[in-house]
Amino acid sequence: MDLTRRLLEYVREHFQQPLTLDRLAAELHVNKYYLSHI
C-alpha cells in the first residue's frame, strides 16, 4: 500500500481524535513537509 493510502487510512481511523500534521508524520514515520506536499 502506498503512502497516500496509508495516510487516508490513518486519518479515517483517527479523525475523531486531536490530530495534527506533526502527529501524522510521526505515526507514519514520514517528514511532515513531504506529507504536506502529498
PDB file of all heavy atoms in Angstrom:
ATOM      1  N   MET A   1       0.834  -1.198   0.000  1.00  0.00           N
ATOM      2  CA  MET A   1       0.000   0.000   0.000  1.00  0.00           C
ATOM      3  C   MET A   1       0.870   1.249   0.000  1.00  0.00           C
ATOM      4  O   MET A   1       1.784   1.376   0.797  1.00  0.00           O
ATOM      5  CB  MET A   1      -0.896  -0.006   1.238  1.00  0.00           C
ATOM      6  CG  MET A   1      -1.884   1.149   1.289  1.00  0.00           C
ATOM      7  SD  MET A   1      -2.888   1.071   2.788  1.00  0.00           S
ATOM      8  CE  MET A   1      -3.717  -0.487   2.559  1.00  0.00           C
ATOM      9  N   ASP A   2       0.594   2.170  -0.899  1.00  0.00           N
ATOM     10  CA  ASP A   2       1.433   3.362  -0.990  1.00  0.00           C
ATOM     11  C   ASP A   2       1.126   4.332   0.135  1.00  0.00           C
ATOM     12  O   ASP A   2       0.168   4.181   0.893  1.00  0.00           O
ATOM     13  CB  ASP A   2       1.317   4.015  -2.369  1.00  0.00           C
ATOM     14  CG  ASP A   2      -0.083   4.526  -2.667  1.00  0.00           C
ATOM     15  OD1 ASP A   2      -0.852   4.795  -1.717  1.00  0.00           O
ATOM     16  OD2 ASP A   2      -0.416   4.676  -3.844  1.00  0.00           O
ATOM     17  N   LEU A   3       1.964   5.343   0.233  1.00  0.00           N
ATOM     18  CA  LEU A   3       1.872   6.277   1.350  1.00  0.00           C
ATOM     19  C   LEU A   3       0.543   7.025   1.375  1.00  0.00           C
ATOM     20  O   LEU A   3      -0.021   7.267   2.453  1.00  0.00           O
ATOM     21  CB  LEU A   3       3.031   7.280   1.279  1.00  0.00           C
ATOM     22  CG  LEU A   3       3.072   8.346   2.374  1.00  0.00           C
ATOM     23  CD1 LEU A   3       3.144   7.699   3.752  1.00  0.00           C
ATOM     24  CD2 LEU A   3       4.265   9.276   2.155  1.00  0.00           C
ATOM     25  N   THR A   4       0.012   7.365   0.209  1.00  0.00           N
ATOM     26  CA  THR A   4      -1.257   8.093   0.180  1.00  0.00           C
ATOM     27  C   THR A   4      -2.367   7.267   0.786  1.00  0.00           C
ATOM     28  O   THR A   4      -3.185   7.768   1.564  1.00  0.00           O
ATOM     29  CB  THR A   4      -1.623   8.483  -1.258  1.00  0.00           C
ATOM     30  OG1 THR A   4      -0.550   9.241  -1.830  1.00  0.00           O
ATOM     31  CG2 THR A   4      -2.890   9.319  -1.283  1.00  0.00           C
ATOM     32  N   ARG A   5      -2.412   5.983   0.472  1.00  0.00           N
ATOM     33  CA  ARG A   5      -3.440   5.116   1.040  1.00  0.00           C
ATOM     34  C   ARG A   5      -3.254   4.983   2.548  1.00  0.00           C
ATOM     35  O   ARG A   5      -4.227   5.018   3.309  1.00  0.00           O
ATOM     36  CB  ARG A   5      -3.405   3.743   0.372  1.00  0.00           C
ATOM     37  CG  ARG A   5      -3.834   3.763  -1.088  1.00  0.00           C
ATOM     38  CD  ARG A   5      -3.801   2.388  -1.691  1.00  0.00           C
ATOM     39  NE  ARG A   5      -4.738   1.488  -1.016  1.00  0.00           N
ATOM     40  CZ  ARG A   5      -4.789   0.177  -1.245  1.00  0.00           C
ATOM     41  NH1 ARG A   5      -3.931  -0.374  -2.084  1.00  0.00           N
ATOM     42  NH2 ARG A   5      -5.659  -0.575  -0.624  1.00  0.00           N
ATOM     43  N   ARG A   6      -2.031   4.825   3.007  1.00  0.00           N
ATOM     44  CA  ARG A   6      -1.794   4.730   4.450  1.00  0.00           C
ATOM     45  C   ARG A   6      -2.181   6.029   5.148  1.00  0.00           C
ATOM     46  O   ARG A   6      -2.723   6.021   6.267  1.00  0.00           O
ATOM     47  CB  ARG A   6      -0.321   4.410   4.721  1.00  0.00           C
ATOM     48  CG  ARG A   6       0.078   2.991   4.299  1.00  0.00           C
ATOM     49  CD  ARG A   6       1.413   2.574   4.882  1.00  0.00           C
ATOM     50  NE  ARG A   6       2.512   3.311   4.282  1.00  0.00           N
ATOM     51  CZ  ARG A   6       3.384   4.032   4.959  1.00  0.00           C
ATOM     52  NH1 ARG A   6       3.273   4.160   6.272  1.00  0.00           N
ATOM     53  NH2 ARG A   6       4.369   4.656   4.339  1.00  0.00           N
ATOM     54  N   LEU A   7      -1.936   7.123   4.480  1.00  0.00           N
ATOM     55  CA  LEU A   7      -2.280   8.436   5.020  1.00  0.00           C
ATOM     56  C   LEU A   7      -3.792   8.569   5.196  1.00  0.00           C
ATOM     57  O   LEU A   7      -4.285   8.958   6.268  1.00  0.00           O
ATOM     58  CB  LEU A   7      -1.751   9.509   4.063  1.00  0.00           C
ATOM     59  CG  LEU A   7      -2.047  10.970   4.359  1.00  0.00           C
ATOM     60  CD1 LEU A   7      -1.444  11.377   5.684  1.00  0.00           C
ATOM     61  CD2 LEU A   7      -1.513  11.848   3.233  1.00  0.00           C
ATOM     62  N   LEU A   8      -4.548   8.219   4.160  1.00  0.00           N
ATOM     63  CA  LEU A   8      -6.003   8.325   4.235  1.00  0.00           C
ATOM     64  C   LEU A   8      -6.583   7.350   5.249  1.00  0.00           C
ATOM     65  O   LEU A   8      -7.545   7.674   5.955  1.00  0.00           O
ATOM     66  CB  LEU A   8      -6.616   8.076   2.859  1.00  0.00           C
ATOM     67  CG  LEU A   8      -6.270   9.083   1.764  1.00  0.00           C
ATOM     68  CD1 LEU A   8      -7.059   8.777   0.499  1.00  0.00           C
ATOM     69  CD2 LEU A   8      -6.534  10.502   2.213  1.00  0.00           C
ATOM     70  N   GLU A   9      -6.015   6.154   5.329  1.00  0.00           N
ATOM     71  CA  GLU A   9      -6.483   5.192   6.322  1.00  0.00           C
ATOM     72  C   GLU A   9      -6.285   5.708   7.740  1.00  0.00           C
ATOM     73  O   GLU A   9      -7.156   5.574   8.598  1.00  0.00           O
ATOM     74  CB  GLU A   9      -5.755   3.855   6.154  1.00  0.00           C
ATOM     75  CG  GLU A   9      -6.307   2.985   5.048  1.00  0.00           C
ATOM     76  CD  GLU A   9      -5.843   1.551   5.175  1.00  0.00           C
ATOM     77  OE1 GLU A   9      -4.715   1.341   5.667  1.00  0.00           O
ATOM     78  OE2 GLU A   9      -6.604   0.644   4.775  1.00  0.00           O
ATOM     79  N   TYR A  10      -5.126   6.323   7.979  1.00  0.00           N
ATOM     80  CA  TYR A  10      -4.855   6.821   9.330  1.00  0.00           C
ATOM     81  C   TYR A  10      -5.827   7.940   9.693  1.00  0.00           C
ATOM     82  O   TYR A  10      -6.372   7.965  10.807  1.00  0.00           O
ATOM     83  CB  TYR A  10      -3.409   7.320   9.442  1.00  0.00           C
ATOM     84  CG  TYR A  10      -3.012   7.602  10.874  1.00  0.00           C
ATOM     85  CD1 TYR A  10      -2.479   6.598  11.672  1.00  0.00           C
ATOM     86  CD2 TYR A  10      -3.220   8.864  11.440  1.00  0.00           C
ATOM     87  CE1 TYR A  10      -2.156   6.831  12.991  1.00  0.00           C
ATOM     88  CE2 TYR A  10      -2.893   9.108  12.766  1.00  0.00           C
ATOM     89  CZ  TYR A  10      -2.360   8.089  13.530  1.00  0.00           C
ATOM     90  OH  TYR A  10      -2.052   8.328  14.848  1.00  0.00           O
ATOM     91  N   VAL A  11      -6.057   8.859   8.768  1.00  0.00           N
ATOM     92  CA  VAL A  11      -6.996   9.948   9.045  1.00  0.00           C
ATOM     93  C   VAL A  11      -8.392   9.388   9.257  1.00  0.00           C
ATOM     94  O   VAL A  11      -9.113   9.821  10.170  1.00  0.00           O
ATOM     95  CB  VAL A  11      -6.985  10.979   7.900  1.00  0.00           C
ATOM     96  CG1 VAL A  11      -8.063  12.036   8.119  1.00  0.00           C
ATOM     97  CG2 VAL A  11      -5.620  11.654   7.799  1.00  0.00           C
ATOM     98  N   ARG A  12      -8.791   8.420   8.449  1.00  0.00           N
ATOM     99  CA  ARG A  12     -10.114   7.816   8.593  1.00  0.00           C
ATOM    100  C   ARG A  12     -10.296   7.205   9.973  1.00  0.00           C
ATOM    101  O   ARG A  12     -11.376   7.310  10.578  1.00  0.00           O
ATOM    102  CB  ARG A  12     -10.323   6.739   7.521  1.00  0.00           C
ATOM    103  CG  ARG A  12     -11.697   6.080   7.581  1.00  0.00           C
ATOM    104  CD  ARG A  12     -11.796   4.886   6.670  1.00  0.00           C
ATOM    105  NE  ARG A  12     -11.012   3.754   7.149  1.00  0.00           N
ATOM    106  CZ  ARG A  12     -11.188   2.497   6.759  1.00  0.00           C
ATOM    107  NH1 ARG A  12     -12.107   2.209   5.884  1.00  0.00           N
ATOM    108  NH2 ARG A  12     -10.417   1.526   7.233  1.00  0.00           N
ATOM    109  N   GLU A  13      -9.274   6.573  10.489  1.00  0.00           N
ATOM    110  CA  GLU A  13      -9.375   5.865  11.761  1.00  0.00           C
ATOM    111  C   GLU A  13      -9.195   6.771  12.972  1.00  0.00           C
ATOM    112  O   GLU A  13      -9.551   6.387  14.087  1.00  0.00           O
ATOM    113  CB  GLU A  13      -8.351   4.732  11.804  1.00  0.00           C
ATOM    114  CG  GLU A  13      -8.631   3.629  10.789  1.00  0.00           C
ATOM    115  CD  GLU A  13      -7.526   2.589  10.736  1.00  0.00           C
ATOM    116  OE1 GLU A  13      -6.525   2.758  11.461  1.00  0.00           O
ATOM    117  OE2 GLU A  13      -7.667   1.629   9.951  1.00  0.00           O
ATOM    118  N   HIS A  14      -8.648   7.988  12.781  1.00  0.00           N
ATOM    119  CA  HIS A  14      -8.328   8.849  13.924  1.00  0.00           C
ATOM    120  C   HIS A  14      -8.895  10.255  13.820  1.00  0.00           C
ATOM    121  O   HIS A  14      -8.535  11.116  14.617  1.00  0.00           O
ATOM    122  CB  HIS A  14      -6.801   8.932  14.095  1.00  0.00           C
ATOM    123  CG  HIS A  14      -6.144   7.620  14.374  1.00  0.00           C
ATOM    124  ND1 HIS A  14      -5.704   6.779  13.374  1.00  0.00           N
ATOM    125  CD2 HIS A  14      -5.851   6.992  15.536  1.00  0.00           C
ATOM    126  CE1 HIS A  14      -5.171   5.694  13.909  1.00  0.00           C
ATOM    127  NE2 HIS A  14      -5.249   5.792  15.210  1.00  0.00           N
ATOM    128  N   PHE A  15      -9.807  10.507  12.867  1.00  0.00           N
ATOM    129  CA  PHE A  15     -10.308  11.868  12.672  1.00  0.00           C
ATOM    130  C   PHE A  15     -11.077  12.403  13.870  1.00  0.00           C
ATOM    131  O   PHE A  15     -11.193  13.612  14.075  1.00  0.00           O
ATOM    132  CB  PHE A  15     -11.185  11.938  11.416  1.00  0.00           C
ATOM    133  CG  PHE A  15     -12.545  11.292  11.579  1.00  0.00           C
ATOM    134  CD1 PHE A  15     -13.649  12.047  11.926  1.00  0.00           C
ATOM    135  CD2 PHE A  15     -12.706   9.926  11.392  1.00  0.00           C
ATOM    136  CE1 PHE A  15     -14.891  11.459  12.084  1.00  0.00           C
ATOM    137  CE2 PHE A  15     -13.942   9.328  11.545  1.00  0.00           C
ATOM    138  CZ  PHE A  15     -15.051  10.099  11.892  1.00  0.00           C
ATOM    139  N   GLN A  16     -11.611  11.519  14.712  1.00  0.00           N
ATOM    140  CA  GLN A  16     -12.367  11.964  15.879  1.00  0.00           C
ATOM    141  C   GLN A  16     -11.462  12.384  17.038  1.00  0.00           C
ATOM    142  O   GLN A  16     -11.938  12.927  18.026  1.00  0.00           O
ATOM    143  CB  GLN A  16     -13.316  10.848  16.334  1.00  0.00           C
ATOM    144  CG  GLN A  16     -14.412  10.551  15.320  1.00  0.00           C
ATOM    145  CD  GLN A  16     -15.125   9.245  15.612  1.00  0.00           C
ATOM    146  OE1 GLN A  16     -14.570   8.156  15.462  1.00  0.00           O
ATOM    147  NE2 GLN A  16     -16.370   9.342  16.018  1.00  0.00           N
ATOM    148  N   GLN A  17     -10.173  12.124  16.909  1.00  0.00           N
ATOM    149  CA  GLN A  17      -9.208  12.474  17.949  1.00  0.00           C
ATOM    150  C   GLN A  17      -8.476  13.767  17.571  1.00  0.00           C
ATOM    151  O   GLN A  17      -8.494  14.172  16.409  1.00  0.00           O
ATOM    152  CB  GLN A  17      -8.199  11.340  18.099  1.00  0.00           C
ATOM    153  CG  GLN A  17      -8.807   9.984  18.368  1.00  0.00           C
ATOM    154  CD  GLN A  17      -7.794   8.859  18.220  1.00  0.00           C
ATOM    155  OE1 GLN A  17      -6.590   9.093  18.162  1.00  0.00           O
ATOM    156  NE2 GLN A  17      -8.288   7.624  18.161  1.00  0.00           N
ATOM    157  N   PRO A  18      -7.821  14.414  18.544  1.00  0.00           N
ATOM    158  CA  PRO A  18      -6.960  15.564  18.203  1.00  0.00           C
ATOM    159  C   PRO A  18      -5.878  15.087  17.227  1.00  0.00           C
ATOM    160  O   PRO A  18      -5.158  14.133  17.506  1.00  0.00           O
ATOM    161  CB  PRO A  18      -6.373  15.977  19.546  1.00  0.00           C
ATOM    162  CG  PRO A  18      -7.353  15.477  20.562  1.00  0.00           C
ATOM    163  CD  PRO A  18      -7.893  14.188  19.998  1.00  0.00           C
ATOM    164  N   LEU A  19      -5.804  15.718  16.070  1.00  0.00           N
ATOM    165  CA  LEU A  19      -4.902  15.236  15.025  1.00  0.00           C
ATOM    166  C   LEU A  19      -4.180  16.421  14.385  1.00  0.00           C
ATOM    167  O   LEU A  19      -4.808  17.387  13.966  1.00  0.00           O
ATOM    168  CB  LEU A  19      -5.700  14.479  13.964  1.00  0.00           C
ATOM    169  CG  LEU A  19      -4.938  13.584  12.988  1.00  0.00           C
ATOM    170  CD1 LEU A  19      -4.104  12.557  13.723  1.00  0.00           C
ATOM    171  CD2 LEU A  19      -5.920  12.891  12.039  1.00  0.00           C
ATOM    172  N   THR A  20      -2.859  16.342  14.355  1.00  0.00           N
ATOM    173  CA  THR A  20      -2.045  17.388  13.745  1.00  0.00           C
ATOM    174  C   THR A  20      -1.144  16.768  12.680  1.00  0.00           C
ATOM    175  O   THR A  20      -0.937  15.548  12.652  1.00  0.00           O
ATOM    176  CB  THR A  20      -1.169  18.096  14.787  1.00  0.00           C
ATOM    177  OG1 THR A  20      -0.217  17.143  15.304  1.00  0.00           O
ATOM    178  CG2 THR A  20      -2.013  18.659  15.924  1.00  0.00           C
ATOM    179  N   LEU A  21      -0.604  17.607  11.831  1.00  0.00           N
ATOM    180  CA  LEU A  21       0.318  17.126  10.811  1.00  0.00           C
ATOM    181  C   LEU A  21       1.568  16.532  11.452  1.00  0.00           C
ATOM    182  O   LEU A  21       2.116  15.539  10.969  1.00  0.00           O
ATOM    183  CB  LEU A  21       0.689  18.261   9.857  1.00  0.00           C
ATOM    184  CG  LEU A  21       1.405  17.851   8.562  1.00  0.00           C
ATOM    185  CD1 LEU A  21       0.532  16.924   7.729  1.00  0.00           C
ATOM    186  CD2 LEU A  21       1.769  19.090   7.758  1.00  0.00           C
ATOM    187  N   ASP A  22       2.026  17.119  12.568  1.00  0.00           N
ATOM    188  CA  ASP A  22       3.189  16.587  13.277  1.00  0.00           C
ATOM    189  C   ASP A  22       2.928  15.171  13.783  1.00  0.00           C
ATOM    190  O   ASP A  22       3.790  14.282  13.664  1.00  0.00           O
ATOM    191  CB  ASP A  22       3.561  17.493  14.449  1.00  0.00           C
ATOM    192  CG  ASP A  22       4.208  18.789  13.995  1.00  0.00           C
ATOM    193  OD1 ASP A  22       4.993  18.748  13.026  1.00  0.00           O
ATOM    194  OD2 ASP A  22       3.932  19.835  14.595  1.00  0.00           O
ATOM    195  N   ARG A  23       1.746  14.957  14.361  1.00  0.00           N
ATOM    196  CA  ARG A  23       1.412  13.615  14.862  1.00  0.00           C
ATOM    197  C   ARG A  23       1.318  12.630  13.705  1.00  0.00           C
ATOM    198  O   ARG A  23       1.812  11.495  13.803  1.00  0.00           O
ATOM    199  CB  ARG A  23       0.097  13.656  15.624  1.00  0.00           C
ATOM    200  CG  ARG A  23      -0.382  12.268  16.056  1.00  0.00           C
ATOM    201  CD  ARG A  23      -1.727  12.297  16.721  1.00  0.00           C
ATOM    202  NE  ARG A  23      -2.269  10.955  16.848  1.00  0.00           N
ATOM    203  CZ  ARG A  23      -3.498  10.685  17.306  1.00  0.00           C
ATOM    204  NH1 ARG A  23      -4.292  11.668  17.689  1.00  0.00           N
ATOM    205  NH2 ARG A  23      -3.929   9.448  17.373  1.00  0.00           N
ATOM    206  N   LEU A  24       0.689  13.055  12.623  1.00  0.00           N
ATOM    207  CA  LEU A  24       0.544  12.202  11.454  1.00  0.00           C
ATOM    208  C   LEU A  24       1.910  11.789  10.908  1.00  0.00           C
ATOM    209  O   LEU A  24       2.155  10.620  10.596  1.00  0.00           O
ATOM    210  CB  LEU A  24      -0.250  12.947  10.387  1.00  0.00           C
ATOM    211  CG  LEU A  24      -0.879  12.151   9.249  1.00  0.00           C
ATOM    212  CD1 LEU A  24      -1.808  11.072   9.782  1.00  0.00           C
ATOM    213  CD2 LEU A  24      -1.649  13.090   8.329  1.00  0.00           C
ATOM    214  N   ALA A  25       2.821  12.749  10.823  1.00  0.00           N
ATOM    215  CA  ALA A  25       4.166  12.463  10.313  1.00  0.00           C
ATOM    216  C   ALA A  25       4.902  11.493  11.233  1.00  0.00           C
ATOM    217  O   ALA A  25       5.598  10.579  10.772  1.00  0.00           O
ATOM    218  CB  ALA A  25       4.948  13.770  10.175  1.00  0.00           C
ATOM    219  N   ALA A  26       4.744  11.690  12.544  1.00  0.00           N
ATOM    220  CA  ALA A  26       5.418  10.816  13.500  1.00  0.00           C
ATOM    221  C   ALA A  26       4.878   9.389  13.418  1.00  0.00           C
ATOM    222  O   ALA A  26       5.635   8.411  13.461  1.00  0.00           O
ATOM    223  CB  ALA A  26       5.254  11.370  14.910  1.00  0.00           C
ATOM    224  N   GLU A  27       3.548   9.258  13.296  1.00  0.00           N
ATOM    225  CA  GLU A  27       2.939   7.929  13.248  1.00  0.00           C
ATOM    226  C   GLU A  27       3.297   7.180  11.970  1.00  0.00           C
ATOM    227  O   GLU A  27       3.459   5.962  11.980  1.00  0.00           O
ATOM    228  CB  GLU A  27       1.416   8.057  13.361  1.00  0.00           C
ATOM    229  CG  GLU A  27       0.913   8.538  14.712  1.00  0.00           C
ATOM    230  CD  GLU A  27       1.114   7.512  15.813  1.00  0.00           C
ATOM    231  OE1 GLU A  27       1.278   6.312  15.494  1.00  0.00           O
ATOM    232  OE2 GLU A  27       1.108   7.895  16.991  1.00  0.00           O
ATOM    233  N   LEU A  28       3.438   7.913  10.868  1.00  0.00           N
ATOM    234  CA  LEU A  28       3.737   7.279   9.584  1.00  0.00           C
ATOM    235  C   LEU A  28       5.227   7.264   9.274  1.00  0.00           C
ATOM    236  O   LEU A  28       5.641   6.739   8.238  1.00  0.00           O
ATOM    237  CB  LEU A  28       2.978   7.998   8.460  1.00  0.00           C
ATOM    238  CG  LEU A  28       1.451   7.957   8.540  1.00  0.00           C
ATOM    239  CD1 LEU A  28       0.832   8.726   7.389  1.00  0.00           C
ATOM    240  CD2 LEU A  28       0.942   6.519   8.552  1.00  0.00           C
ATOM    241  N   HIS A  29       6.019   7.877  10.173  1.00  0.00           N
ATOM    242  CA  HIS A  29       7.480   7.927  10.011  1.00  0.00           C
ATOM    243  C   HIS A  29       7.870   8.592   8.686  1.00  0.00           C
ATOM    244  O   HIS A  29       8.691   8.080   7.919  1.00  0.00           O
ATOM    245  CB  HIS A  29       8.077   6.515  10.096  1.00  0.00           C
ATOM    246  CG  HIS A  29       7.655   5.761  11.319  1.00  0.00           C
ATOM    247  ND1 HIS A  29       8.100   6.103  12.587  1.00  0.00           N
ATOM    248  CD2 HIS A  29       6.809   4.713  11.478  1.00  0.00           C
ATOM    249  CE1 HIS A  29       7.556   5.275  13.467  1.00  0.00           C
ATOM    250  NE2 HIS A  29       6.774   4.426  12.817  1.00  0.00           N
ATOM    251  N   VAL A  30       7.231   9.737   8.434  1.00  0.00           N
ATOM    252  CA  VAL A  30       7.469  10.493   7.209  1.00  0.00           C
ATOM    253  C   VAL A  30       7.640  11.961   7.571  1.00  0.00           C
ATOM    254  O   VAL A  30       6.997  12.467   8.493  1.00  0.00           O
ATOM    255  CB  VAL A  30       6.289  10.332   6.221  1.00  0.00           C
ATOM    256  CG1 VAL A  30       6.518  11.166   4.958  1.00  0.00           C
ATOM    257  CG2 VAL A  30       6.084   8.873   5.857  1.00  0.00           C
ATOM    258  N   ASN A  31       8.501  12.660   6.847  1.00  0.00           N
ATOM    259  CA  ASN A  31       8.694  14.087   7.066  1.00  0.00           C
ATOM    260  C   ASN A  31       7.383  14.834   6.856  1.00  0.00           C
ATOM    261  O   ASN A  31       6.681  14.608   5.879  1.00  0.00           O
ATOM    262  CB  ASN A  31       9.762  14.594   6.083  1.00  0.00           C
ATOM    263  CG  ASN A  31      10.063  16.063   6.293  1.00  0.00           C
ATOM    264  OD1 ASN A  31       9.293  16.918   5.891  1.00  0.00           O
ATOM    265  ND2 ASN A  31      11.214  16.343   6.898  1.00  0.00           N
ATOM    266  N   LYS A  32       7.045  15.741   7.780  1.00  0.00           N
ATOM    267  CA  LYS A  32       5.747  16.416   7.695  1.00  0.00           C
ATOM    268  C   LYS A  32       5.639  17.306   6.463  1.00  0.00           C
ATOM    269  O   LYS A  32       4.540  17.519   5.941  1.00  0.00           O
ATOM    270  CB  LYS A  32       5.483  17.221   8.971  1.00  0.00           C
ATOM    271  CG  LYS A  32       6.285  18.494   9.132  1.00  0.00           C
ATOM    272  CD  LYS A  32       5.797  19.263  10.352  1.00  0.00           C
ATOM    273  CE  LYS A  32       6.520  20.589  10.516  1.00  0.00           C
ATOM    274  NZ  LYS A  32       5.996  21.348  11.674  1.00  0.00           N
ATOM    275  N   TYR A  33       6.771  17.817   5.984  1.00  0.00           N
ATOM    276  CA  TYR A  33       6.717  18.659   4.790  1.00  0.00           C
ATOM    277  C   TYR A  33       6.415  17.817   3.553  1.00  0.00           C
ATOM    278  O   TYR A  33       5.761  18.282   2.611  1.00  0.00           O
ATOM    279  CB  TYR A  33       8.031  19.421   4.635  1.00  0.00           C
ATOM    280  CG  TYR A  33       8.296  20.347   5.798  1.00  0.00           C
ATOM    281  CD1 TYR A  33       9.268  20.042   6.755  1.00  0.00           C
ATOM    282  CD2 TYR A  33       7.541  21.506   5.964  1.00  0.00           C
ATOM    283  CE1 TYR A  33       9.496  20.875   7.841  1.00  0.00           C
ATOM    284  CE2 TYR A  33       7.764  22.345   7.047  1.00  0.00           C
ATOM    285  CZ  TYR A  33       8.734  22.029   7.980  1.00  0.00           C
ATOM    286  OH  TYR A  33       8.949  22.857   9.057  1.00  0.00           O
ATOM    287  N   TYR A  34       6.859  16.577   3.569  1.00  0.00           N
ATOM    288  CA  TYR A  34       6.532  15.677   2.460  1.00  0.00           C
ATOM    289  C   TYR A  34       5.049  15.309   2.504  1.00  0.00           C
ATOM    290  O   TYR A  34       4.384  15.238   1.471  1.00  0.00           O
ATOM    291  CB  TYR A  34       7.399  14.425   2.521  1.00  0.00           C
ATOM    292  CG  TYR A  34       7.168  13.488   1.358  1.00  0.00           C
ATOM    293  CD1 TYR A  34       7.470  13.894   0.057  1.00  0.00           C
ATOM    294  CD2 TYR A  34       6.646  12.218   1.557  1.00  0.00           C
ATOM    295  CE1 TYR A  34       7.247  13.044  -1.017  1.00  0.00           C
ATOM    296  CE2 TYR A  34       6.422  11.363   0.480  1.00  0.00           C
ATOM    297  CZ  TYR A  34       6.735  11.785  -0.795  1.00  0.00           C
ATOM    298  OH  TYR A  34       6.509  10.954  -1.863  1.00  0.00           O
ATOM    299  N   LEU A  35       4.518  15.096   3.708  1.00  0.00           N
ATOM    300  CA  LEU A  35       3.087  14.830   3.844  1.00  0.00           C
ATOM    301  C   LEU A  35       2.273  16.016   3.356  1.00  0.00           C
ATOM    302  O   LEU A  35       1.246  15.857   2.689  1.00  0.00           O
ATOM    303  CB  LEU A  35       2.732  14.517   5.296  1.00  0.00           C
ATOM    304  CG  LEU A  35       3.109  13.150   5.849  1.00  0.00           C
ATOM    305  CD1 LEU A  35       2.562  12.987   7.255  1.00  0.00           C
ATOM    306  CD2 LEU A  35       2.598  12.036   4.946  1.00  0.00           C
ATOM    307  N   SER A  36       2.712  17.212   3.715  1.00  0.00           N
ATOM    308  CA  SER A  36       2.022  18.419   3.268  1.00  0.00           C
ATOM    309  C   SER A  36       1.997  18.485   1.745  1.00  0.00           C
ATOM    310  O   SER A  36       0.993  18.873   1.134  1.00  0.00           O
ATOM    311  CB  SER A  36       2.714  19.655   3.847  1.00  0.00           C
ATOM    312  OG  SER A  36       2.065  20.835   3.436  1.00  0.00           O
ATOM    313  N   HIS A  37       3.096  18.069   1.122  1.00  0.00           N
ATOM    314  CA  HIS A  37       3.188  18.046  -0.339  1.00  0.00           C
ATOM    315  C   HIS A  37       2.189  17.054  -0.922  1.00  0.00           C
ATOM    316  O   HIS A  37       1.554  17.329  -1.960  1.00  0.00           O
ATOM    317  CB  HIS A  37       4.610  17.680  -0.755  1.00  0.00           C
ATOM    318  CG  HIS A  37       4.786  17.515  -2.226  1.00  0.00           C
ATOM    319  ND1 HIS A  37       4.699  18.563  -3.116  1.00  0.00           N
ATOM    320  CD2 HIS A  37       5.030  16.401  -2.977  1.00  0.00           C
ATOM    321  CE1 HIS A  37       4.893  18.117  -4.342  1.00  0.00           C
ATOM    322  NE2 HIS A  37       5.094  16.808  -4.279  1.00  0.00           N
ATOM    323  N   ILE A  38       2.020  15.904  -0.274  1.00  0.00           N
ATOM    324  CA  ILE A  38       1.062  14.903  -0.750  1.00  0.00           C
ATOM    325  C   ILE A  38      -0.352  15.464  -0.707  1.00  0.00           C
ATOM    326  O   ILE A  38      -1.133  15.295  -1.651  1.00  0.00           O
ATOM    327  CB  ILE A  38       1.160  13.612   0.078  1.00  0.00           C
ATOM    328  CG1 ILE A  38       2.467  12.889  -0.231  1.00  0.00           C
ATOM    329  CG2 ILE A  38      -0.028  12.696  -0.197  1.00  0.00           C
ATOM    330  CD1 ILE A  38       2.679  11.636   0.568  1.00  0.00           C
TER     331      ILE A  38
END
